[in-house]
């Protein structure tokens, strides 16, 4: 898609990943909602998931692994 936009007219900037992610995520969320009828998504769901991930990140082995991953990613 991005290449097609660039070939259409020179100087036309392709959409950023951020601009594309919203519609793509909305479409995927819609598919998931249709597939799983009892799935309920509330505005607080993101916050709750964030809290759960923070707690998971405090588990010793997860915390140590994340520290190692950060070191490797900084090295790269």
N, C-alpha and C. Protein backbone atom coordinates (compact mmCIF):
# COMPACT_ATOMS: atom_id res chain seq x y z
N UNK A 1 0.82 -1.19 0.00
CA UNK A 1 0.00 0.00 0.00
C UNK A 1 0.87 1.26 0.00
N UNK A 2 1.87 1.26 0.85
CA UNK A 2 2.74 2.43 0.94
C UNK A 2 3.47 2.64 -0.38
N UNK A 3 3.95 1.55 -0.98
CA UNK A 3 4.66 1.67 -2.26
C UNK A 3 3.73 2.19 -3.34
N UNK A 4 2.49 1.75 -3.34
CA UNK A 4 1.53 2.22 -4.34
C UNK A 4 1.29 3.72 -4.19
N UNK A 5 1.21 4.19 -2.98
CA UNK A 5 1.02 5.63 -2.74
C UNK A 5 2.22 6.40 -3.24
N UNK A 6 3.41 5.89 -2.97
CA UNK A 6 4.61 6.59 -3.41
C UNK A 6 4.73 6.61 -4.93
N UNK A 7 4.30 5.56 -5.59
CA UNK A 7 4.38 5.51 -7.04
C UNK A 7 3.31 6.38 -7.69
N UNK A 8 2.21 6.57 -7.01
CA UNK A 8 1.12 7.36 -7.58
C UNK A 8 1.58 8.79 -7.86
N UNK A 9 2.20 9.40 -6.92
CA UNK A 9 2.72 10.76 -7.09
C UNK A 9 3.96 10.91 -6.23
N UNK A 10 4.98 11.42 -6.84
CA UNK A 10 6.19 11.69 -6.06
C UNK A 10 5.90 12.83 -5.10
N UNK A 11 6.46 12.75 -3.94
CA UNK A 11 6.26 13.80 -2.96
C UNK A 11 5.09 13.54 -2.02
N UNK A 12 4.27 12.53 -2.32
CA UNK A 12 3.16 12.20 -1.43
C UNK A 12 3.73 11.34 -0.30
N UNK A 13 3.52 11.78 0.93
CA UNK A 13 4.04 11.04 2.07
C UNK A 13 3.10 9.89 2.40
N UNK A 14 3.65 8.71 2.64
CA UNK A 14 2.81 7.58 3.04
C UNK A 14 2.32 7.79 4.47
N UNK A 15 1.23 7.12 4.83
CA UNK A 15 0.75 7.23 6.21
C UNK A 15 1.77 6.60 7.17
N UNK A 16 1.82 7.15 8.35
CA UNK A 16 2.73 6.60 9.36
C UNK A 16 2.14 5.32 9.94
N UNK A 17 2.96 4.57 10.61
CA UNK A 17 2.49 3.35 11.27
C UNK A 17 1.40 3.70 12.28
N UNK A 18 1.58 4.81 12.97
CA UNK A 18 0.59 5.24 13.95
C UNK A 18 -0.76 5.53 13.29
N UNK A 19 -0.73 6.20 12.14
CA UNK A 19 -1.97 6.53 11.43
C UNK A 19 -2.67 5.28 10.92
N UNK A 20 -1.90 4.27 10.54
CA UNK A 20 -2.49 3.03 10.04
C UNK A 20 -2.99 2.14 11.17
N UNK A 21 -2.36 2.21 12.32
CA UNK A 21 -2.68 1.27 13.39
C UNK A 21 -4.10 1.42 13.91
N UNK A 22 -4.61 2.64 14.00
CA UNK A 22 -5.97 2.84 14.52
C UNK A 22 -7.02 2.09 13.73
N UNK A 23 -7.15 2.33 12.42
CA UNK A 23 -8.15 1.62 11.63
C UNK A 23 -7.93 0.11 11.60
N UNK A 24 -6.67 -0.31 11.54
CA UNK A 24 -6.38 -1.75 11.50
C UNK A 24 -6.79 -2.41 12.81
N UNK A 25 -6.45 -1.78 13.93
CA UNK A 25 -6.82 -2.35 15.23
C UNK A 25 -8.33 -2.34 15.42
N UNK A 26 -9.01 -1.29 14.96
CA UNK A 26 -10.47 -1.23 15.06
C UNK A 26 -11.10 -2.37 14.28
N UNK A 27 -10.58 -2.63 13.08
CA UNK A 27 -11.11 -3.71 12.25
C UNK A 27 -10.91 -5.07 12.91
N UNK A 28 -9.71 -5.29 13.45
CA UNK A 28 -9.42 -6.56 14.11
C UNK A 28 -10.26 -6.73 15.37
N UNK A 29 -10.45 -5.65 16.12
CA UNK A 29 -11.29 -5.72 17.32
C UNK A 29 -12.72 -6.07 16.94
N UNK A 30 -13.21 -5.49 15.84
CA UNK A 30 -14.56 -5.80 15.36
C UNK A 30 -14.70 -7.27 14.99
N UNK A 31 -13.68 -7.81 14.32
CA UNK A 31 -13.71 -9.24 13.96
C UNK A 31 -13.76 -10.10 15.22
N UNK A 32 -12.96 -9.73 16.21
CA UNK A 32 -12.92 -10.49 17.45
C UNK A 32 -14.26 -10.41 18.18
N UNK A 33 -14.87 -9.23 18.18
CA UNK A 33 -16.17 -9.06 18.84
C UNK A 33 -17.24 -9.91 18.15
N UNK A 34 -17.17 -10.03 16.81
CA UNK A 34 -18.13 -10.85 16.07
C UNK A 34 -17.89 -12.33 16.32
N UNK A 35 -16.64 -12.71 16.48
CA UNK A 35 -16.28 -14.11 16.68
C UNK A 35 -16.65 -14.59 18.08
N UNK A 36 -16.41 -13.74 19.07
CA UNK A 36 -16.68 -14.10 20.47
C UNK A 36 -17.80 -13.19 20.96
N UNK A 37 -19.02 -13.70 20.90
CA UNK A 37 -20.20 -12.89 21.18
C UNK A 37 -20.27 -12.39 22.63
N UNK A 38 -19.72 -13.14 23.56
CA UNK A 38 -19.82 -12.73 24.97
C UNK A 38 -18.66 -11.83 25.40
N UNK A 39 -17.79 -11.45 24.47
CA UNK A 39 -16.66 -10.58 24.80
C UNK A 39 -17.17 -9.17 25.07
N UNK A 40 -16.80 -8.63 26.20
CA UNK A 40 -17.20 -7.27 26.56
C UNK A 40 -15.94 -6.43 26.70
N UNK A 41 -15.89 -5.31 26.01
CA UNK A 41 -14.73 -4.42 26.07
C UNK A 41 -15.18 -3.12 26.69
N UNK A 42 -14.61 -2.78 27.80
CA UNK A 42 -14.98 -1.54 28.48
C UNK A 42 -13.84 -0.54 28.37
N UNK A 43 -14.13 0.72 28.58
CA UNK A 43 -13.05 1.72 28.55
C UNK A 43 -11.95 1.43 29.57
N UNK A 44 -12.29 0.72 30.62
CA UNK A 44 -11.30 0.43 31.66
C UNK A 44 -10.50 -0.83 31.37
N UNK A 45 -10.86 -1.54 30.31
CA UNK A 45 -10.17 -2.80 30.00
C UNK A 45 -8.68 -2.57 29.79
N UNK A 46 -8.33 -1.54 29.05
CA UNK A 46 -6.92 -1.25 28.79
C UNK A 46 -6.19 -0.98 30.09
N UNK A 47 -6.81 -0.22 30.96
CA UNK A 47 -6.20 0.10 32.26
C UNK A 47 -6.00 -1.18 33.08
N UNK A 48 -7.02 -2.04 33.08
CA UNK A 48 -6.92 -3.28 33.85
C UNK A 48 -5.82 -4.19 33.31
N UNK A 49 -5.72 -4.28 31.99
CA UNK A 49 -4.67 -5.09 31.38
C UNK A 49 -3.30 -4.52 31.74
N UNK A 50 -3.18 -3.21 31.72
CA UNK A 50 -1.93 -2.55 32.08
C UNK A 50 -1.53 -2.90 33.51
N UNK A 51 -2.49 -2.87 34.42
CA UNK A 51 -2.21 -3.22 35.81
C UNK A 51 -1.75 -4.67 35.94
N UNK A 52 -2.41 -5.57 35.20
CA UNK A 52 -2.02 -6.98 35.25
C UNK A 52 -0.60 -7.18 34.73
N UNK A 53 -0.27 -6.50 33.62
CA UNK A 53 1.07 -6.63 33.05
C UNK A 53 2.13 -6.07 33.99
N UNK A 54 1.81 -4.99 34.70
CA UNK A 54 2.75 -4.44 35.68
C UNK A 54 3.02 -5.46 36.78
N UNK A 55 1.96 -6.14 37.24
CA UNK A 55 2.14 -7.15 38.29
C UNK A 55 2.94 -8.34 37.77
N UNK A 56 2.68 -8.75 36.54
CA UNK A 56 3.45 -9.85 35.95
C UNK A 56 4.91 -9.45 35.85
N UNK A 57 5.17 -8.19 35.52
CA UNK A 57 6.54 -7.70 35.41
C UNK A 57 7.30 -7.70 36.72
N UNK A 58 6.59 -7.80 37.83
CA UNK A 58 7.23 -7.83 39.15
C UNK A 58 7.64 -9.24 39.57
N UNK A 59 7.20 -10.26 38.85
CA UNK A 59 7.61 -11.64 39.15
C UNK A 59 9.11 -11.75 38.89
N UNK A 60 9.83 -12.37 39.82
CA UNK A 60 11.29 -12.37 39.78
C UNK A 60 11.86 -12.81 38.43
N UNK A 61 11.45 -13.96 37.92
CA UNK A 61 12.04 -14.46 36.67
C UNK A 61 11.69 -13.56 35.49
N UNK A 62 10.48 -13.01 35.50
CA UNK A 62 10.07 -12.10 34.42
C UNK A 62 10.88 -10.82 34.50
N UNK A 63 11.05 -10.30 35.71
CA UNK A 63 11.81 -9.07 35.91
C UNK A 63 13.26 -9.23 35.44
N UNK A 64 13.88 -10.36 35.80
CA UNK A 64 15.26 -10.62 35.40
C UNK A 64 15.37 -10.75 33.88
N UNK A 65 14.42 -11.44 33.28
CA UNK A 65 14.43 -11.61 31.82
C UNK A 65 14.27 -10.27 31.12
N UNK A 66 13.37 -9.44 31.61
CA UNK A 66 13.17 -8.12 31.02
C UNK A 66 14.43 -7.26 31.12
N UNK A 67 15.13 -7.36 32.25
CA UNK A 67 16.37 -6.60 32.40
C UNK A 67 17.41 -7.05 31.38
N UNK A 68 17.50 -8.37 31.15
CA UNK A 68 18.45 -8.89 30.16
C UNK A 68 18.06 -8.45 28.75
N UNK A 69 16.77 -8.47 28.46
CA UNK A 69 16.29 -8.05 27.14
C UNK A 69 16.61 -6.58 26.91
N UNK A 70 16.44 -5.77 27.92
CA UNK A 70 16.75 -4.33 27.79
C UNK A 70 18.23 -4.12 27.51
N UNK A 71 19.08 -4.88 28.18
CA UNK A 71 20.53 -4.77 27.93
C UNK A 71 20.86 -5.14 26.49
N UNK A 72 20.28 -6.22 26.01
CA UNK A 72 20.54 -6.65 24.64
C UNK A 72 20.03 -5.62 23.65
N UNK A 73 18.83 -5.10 23.87
CA UNK A 73 18.27 -4.13 22.92
C UNK A 73 19.06 -2.83 22.92
N UNK A 74 19.61 -2.43 24.05
CA UNK A 74 20.47 -1.24 24.09
C UNK A 74 21.77 -1.48 23.33
N UNK A 75 22.28 -2.70 23.45
CA UNK A 75 23.52 -3.06 22.76
C UNK A 75 23.33 -3.02 21.25
N UNK A 76 22.19 -3.48 20.80
CA UNK A 76 21.91 -3.52 19.35
C UNK A 76 21.69 -2.11 18.89
